[in-house]
Amino acid sequence: MPHTAGRRLDLREYLAVARSILANERTFLAYQRTALGQLAVAATFIHFFDHPVLTTVGWFLVPSSVVTMGLGVLRYRRMRSLIRQLEEQTRRQEQALGQMDQASQTGQANQPNQPNQPNQPSQTR
């Protein structure tokens, strides 16, 4: 199970993180598969067809496949970073809630902060 800065994730959080990571990896692989397909079509058009239009299309597909590969890598890294940031943010929020719960259990949260006031004589009539 993944750990988030010393804290173990519960099952629901673990499964949510795992789903997000796997979805990100699937998207990355889809980009790479598309780029490889573009490159294969480009090589086929350039090598096996003598028609100038198909050869030109093939040469345009080569840089297109490189751009698609790059976009896949870029998107994967950005999403991975976002997932890590959200994990860290969730961990901080849970720590803050845990501290608030601990303070309320010790009775510190129930005592309002009142400034010290000197004893005033009671008013009698």
C-alpha atoms as a PDB file:
ATOM      1  CA  MET A   1       0.000   0.000   0.000  1.00  0.00           C
ATOM      2  CA  PRO A   2       1.277   3.486  -0.760  1.00  0.00           C
ATOM      3  CA  HIS A   3       2.310   5.717   2.078  1.00  0.00           C
ATOM      4  CA  THR A   4       1.742   9.432   2.104  1.00  0.00           C
ATOM      5  CA  ALA A   5       4.548  11.087   4.081  1.00  0.00           C
ATOM      6  CA  GLY A   6       4.555   8.604   6.934  1.00  0.00           C
ATOM      7  CA  ARG A   7       0.811   8.023   7.029  1.00  0.00           C
ATOM      8  CA  ARG A   8      -0.761   4.889   5.678  1.00  0.00           C
ATOM      9  CA  LEU A   9      -3.726   5.377   3.344  1.00  0.00           C
ATOM     10  CA  ASP A  10      -6.996   3.652   4.202  1.00  0.00           C
ATOM     11  CA  LEU A  11      -8.464   1.230   1.662  1.00  0.00           C
ATOM     12  CA  ARG A  12     -10.775   3.738  -0.031  1.00  0.00           C
ATOM     13  CA  GLU A  13      -7.976   6.263  -0.516  1.00  0.00           C
ATOM     14  CA  TYR A  14      -5.582   3.540  -1.656  1.00  0.00           C
ATOM     15  CA  LEU A  15      -8.018   2.325  -4.315  1.00  0.00           C
ATOM     16  CA  ALA A  16      -8.756   5.874  -5.509  1.00  0.00           C
ATOM     17  CA  VAL A  17      -5.044   6.612  -5.873  1.00  0.00           C
ATOM     18  CA  ALA A  18      -4.489   3.299  -7.655  1.00  0.00           C
ATOM     19  CA  ARG A  19      -7.346   4.020 -10.104  1.00  0.00           C
ATOM     20  CA  SER A  20      -5.965   7.480 -10.845  1.00  0.00           C
ATOM     21  CA  ILE A  21      -2.453   6.176 -11.403  1.00  0.00           C
ATOM     22  CA  LEU A  22      -3.658   3.361 -13.664  1.00  0.00           C
ATOM     23  CA  ALA A  23      -5.870   5.728 -15.685  1.00  0.00           C
ATOM     24  CA  ASN A  24      -2.918   8.059 -16.145  1.00  0.00           C
ATOM     25  CA  GLU A  25      -0.743   5.171 -17.340  1.00  0.00           C
ATOM     26  CA  ARG A  26      -3.453   3.988 -19.770  1.00  0.00           C
ATOM     27  CA  THR A  27      -3.697   7.476 -21.232  1.00  0.00           C
ATOM     28  CA  PHE A  28       0.080   7.637 -21.622  1.00  0.00           C
ATOM     29  CA  LEU A  29       0.124   4.288 -23.408  1.00  0.00           C
ATOM     30  CA  ALA A  30      -2.720   5.402 -25.708  1.00  0.00           C
ATOM     31  CA  TYR A  31      -0.669   8.443 -26.762  1.00  0.00           C
ATOM     32  CA  GLN A  32       2.358   6.239 -27.442  1.00  0.00           C
ATOM     33  CA  ARG A  33       0.276   3.700 -29.372  1.00  0.00           C
ATOM     34  CA  THR A  34      -1.169   6.497 -31.512  1.00  0.00           C
ATOM     35  CA  ALA A  35       2.291   7.934 -32.179  1.00  0.00           C
ATOM     36  CA  LEU A  36       3.629   4.511 -33.142  1.00  0.00           C
ATOM     37  CA  GLY A  37       0.681   4.004 -35.496  1.00  0.00           C
ATOM     38  CA  GLN A  38       1.309   7.364 -37.125  1.00  0.00           C
ATOM     39  CA  LEU A  39       4.966   6.494 -37.579  1.00  0.00           C
ATOM     40  CA  ALA A  40       4.099   3.104 -39.120  1.00  0.00           C
ATOM     41  CA  VAL A  41       1.679   4.721 -41.579  1.00  0.00           C
ATOM     42  CA  ALA A  42       4.295   7.366 -42.411  1.00  0.00           C
ATOM     43  CA  ALA A  43       6.940   4.732 -43.110  1.00  0.00           C
ATOM     44  CA  THR A  44       4.475   2.757 -45.238  1.00  0.00           C
ATOM     45  CA  PHE A  45       3.475   5.793 -47.307  1.00  0.00           C
ATOM     46  CA  ILE A  46       7.091   6.875 -47.816  1.00  0.00           C
ATOM     47  CA  HIS A  47       8.551   3.467 -48.587  1.00  0.00           C
ATOM     48  CA  PHE A  48       5.864   1.572 -50.504  1.00  0.00           C
ATOM     49  CA  PHE A  49       3.940   4.206 -52.455  1.00  0.00           C
ATOM     50  CA  ASP A  50       5.313   6.229 -55.326  1.00  0.00           C
ATOM     51  CA  HIS A  51       2.440   8.693 -55.406  1.00  0.00           C
ATOM     52  CA  PRO A  52       3.712  12.186 -54.442  1.00  0.00           C
ATOM     53  CA  VAL A  53       0.659  13.030 -52.334  1.00  0.00           C
ATOM     54  CA  LEU A  54       1.029   9.897 -50.195  1.00  0.00           C
ATOM     55  CA  THR A  55       4.763  10.459 -49.847  1.00  0.00           C
ATOM     56  CA  THR A  56       4.108  14.040 -48.715  1.00  0.00           C
ATOM     57  CA  VAL A  57       1.479  12.878 -46.222  1.00  0.00           C
ATOM     58  CA  GLY A  58       3.990  10.315 -44.935  1.00  0.00           C
ATOM     59  CA  TRP A  59       6.609  12.969 -44.362  1.00  0.00           C
ATOM     60  CA  PHE A  60       4.074  15.137 -42.501  1.00  0.00           C
ATOM     61  CA  LEU A  61       3.150  12.187 -40.278  1.00  0.00           C
ATOM     62  CA  VAL A  62       6.733  11.709 -39.058  1.00  0.00           C
ATOM     63  CA  PRO A  63       6.924  14.979 -37.053  1.00  0.00           C
ATOM     64  CA  SER A  64       3.277  14.544 -36.108  1.00  0.00           C
ATOM     65  CA  SER A  65       4.109  11.231 -34.436  1.00  0.00           C
ATOM     66  CA  VAL A  66       7.014  12.821 -32.563  1.00  0.00           C
ATOM     67  CA  VAL A  67       4.725  15.617 -31.328  1.00  0.00           C
ATOM     68  CA  THR A  68       2.110  13.064 -30.247  1.00  0.00           C
ATOM     69  CA  MET A  69       4.762  11.146 -28.299  1.00  0.00           C
ATOM     70  CA  GLY A  70       5.937  14.340 -26.619  1.00  0.00           C
ATOM     71  CA  LEU A  71       2.404  15.394 -25.698  1.00  0.00           C
ATOM     72  CA  GLY A  72       1.809  11.985 -24.144  1.00  0.00           C
ATOM     73  CA  VAL A  73       4.908  12.270 -21.987  1.00  0.00           C
ATOM     74  CA  LEU A  74       4.072  15.848 -21.012  1.00  0.00           C
ATOM     75  CA  ARG A  75       0.488  14.994 -20.075  1.00  0.00           C
ATOM     76  CA  TYR A  76       1.581  11.926 -18.099  1.00  0.00           C
ATOM     77  CA  ARG A  77       4.100  13.916 -16.048  1.00  0.00           C
ATOM     78  CA  ARG A  78       1.657  16.752 -15.348  1.00  0.00           C
ATOM     79  CA  MET A  79      -1.062  14.379 -14.200  1.00  0.00           C
ATOM     80  CA  ARG A  80       1.375  12.401 -12.055  1.00  0.00           C
ATOM     81  CA  SER A  81       2.445  15.649 -10.388  1.00  0.00           C
ATOM     82  CA  LEU A  82      -1.189  16.649  -9.820  1.00  0.00           C
ATOM     83  CA  ILE A  83      -1.994  13.279  -8.241  1.00  0.00           C
ATOM     84  CA  ARG A  84       0.964  13.671  -5.871  1.00  0.00           C
ATOM     85  CA  GLN A  85      -0.096  17.227  -4.961  1.00  0.00           C
ATOM     86  CA  LEU A  86      -3.637  16.099  -4.207  1.00  0.00           C
ATOM     87  CA  GLU A  87      -2.336  13.268  -2.031  1.00  0.00           C
ATOM     88  CA  GLU A  88      -0.191  15.734  -0.084  1.00  0.00           C
ATOM     89  CA  GLN A  89      -3.074  18.207   0.271  1.00  0.00           C
ATOM     90  CA  THR A  90      -5.373  15.452   1.540  1.00  0.00           C
ATOM     91  CA  ARG A  91      -2.732  14.338   4.037  1.00  0.00           C
ATOM     92  CA  ARG A  92      -2.337  17.892   5.383  1.00  0.00           C
ATOM     93  CA  GLN A  93      -6.092  18.356   5.717  1.00  0.00           C
ATOM     94  CA  GLU A  94      -6.423  15.076   7.586  1.00  0.00           C
ATOM     95  CA  GLN A  95      -3.563  16.022   9.894  1.00  0.00           C
ATOM     96  CA  ALA A  96      -5.267  19.332  10.663  1.00  0.00           C
ATOM     97  CA  LEU A  97      -8.552  17.577  11.367  1.00  0.00           C
ATOM     98  CA  GLY A  98      -6.750  15.049  13.562  1.00  0.00           C
ATOM     99  CA  GLN A  99      -5.161  17.857  15.570  1.00  0.00           C
ATOM    100  CA  MET A 100      -8.550  19.555  15.972  1.00  0.00           C
ATOM    101  CA  ASP A 101     -10.098  16.296  17.152  1.00  0.00           C
ATOM    102  CA  GLN A 102      -7.258  15.719  19.591  1.00  0.00           C
ATOM    103  CA  ALA A 103      -7.610  19.263  20.947  1.00  0.00           C
ATOM    104  CA  SER A 104     -11.365  18.864  21.403  1.00  0.00           C
ATOM    105  CA  GLN A 105     -10.871  15.573  23.242  1.00  0.00           C
ATOM    106  CA  THR A 106      -8.524  17.235  25.726  1.00  0.00           C
ATOM    107  CA  GLY A 107     -10.989  20.083  26.235  1.00  0.00           C
ATOM    108  CA  GLN A 108      -8.811  22.796  24.778  1.00  0.00           C
ATOM    109  CA  ALA A 109     -11.144  23.547  21.906  1.00  0.00           C
ATOM    110  CA  ASN A 110     -14.148  24.117  24.178  1.00  0.00           C
ATOM    111  CA  GLN A 111     -12.530  26.928  26.151  1.00  0.00           C
ATOM    112  CA  PRO A 112     -12.988  30.258  24.408  1.00  0.00           C
ATOM    113  CA  ASN A 113     -10.079  32.645  24.351  1.00  0.00           C
ATOM    114  CA  GLN A 114     -11.082  35.442  26.695  1.00  0.00           C
ATOM    115  CA  PRO A 115      -8.742  38.200  27.727  1.00  0.00           C
ATOM    116  CA  ASN A 116      -7.795  38.243  31.377  1.00  0.00           C
ATOM    117  CA  GLN A 117     -10.069  40.717  33.138  1.00  0.00           C
ATOM    118  CA  PRO A 118      -9.361  41.964  36.623  1.00  0.00           C
ATOM    119  CA  ASN A 119     -11.898  41.103  39.269  1.00  0.00           C
ATOM    120  CA  GLN A 120     -14.523  43.792  39.345  1.00  0.00           C
ATOM    121  CA  PRO A 121     -16.581  44.411  42.426  1.00  0.00           C
ATOM    122  CA  SER A 122     -20.118  43.235  42.122  1.00  0.00           C
ATOM    123  CA  GLN A 123     -22.705  45.924  41.865  1.00  0.00           C
ATOM    124  CA  THR A 124     -25.161  45.864  44.735  1.00  0.00           C
ATOM    125  CA  ARG A 125     -28.036  48.204  45.253  1.00  0.00           C
END
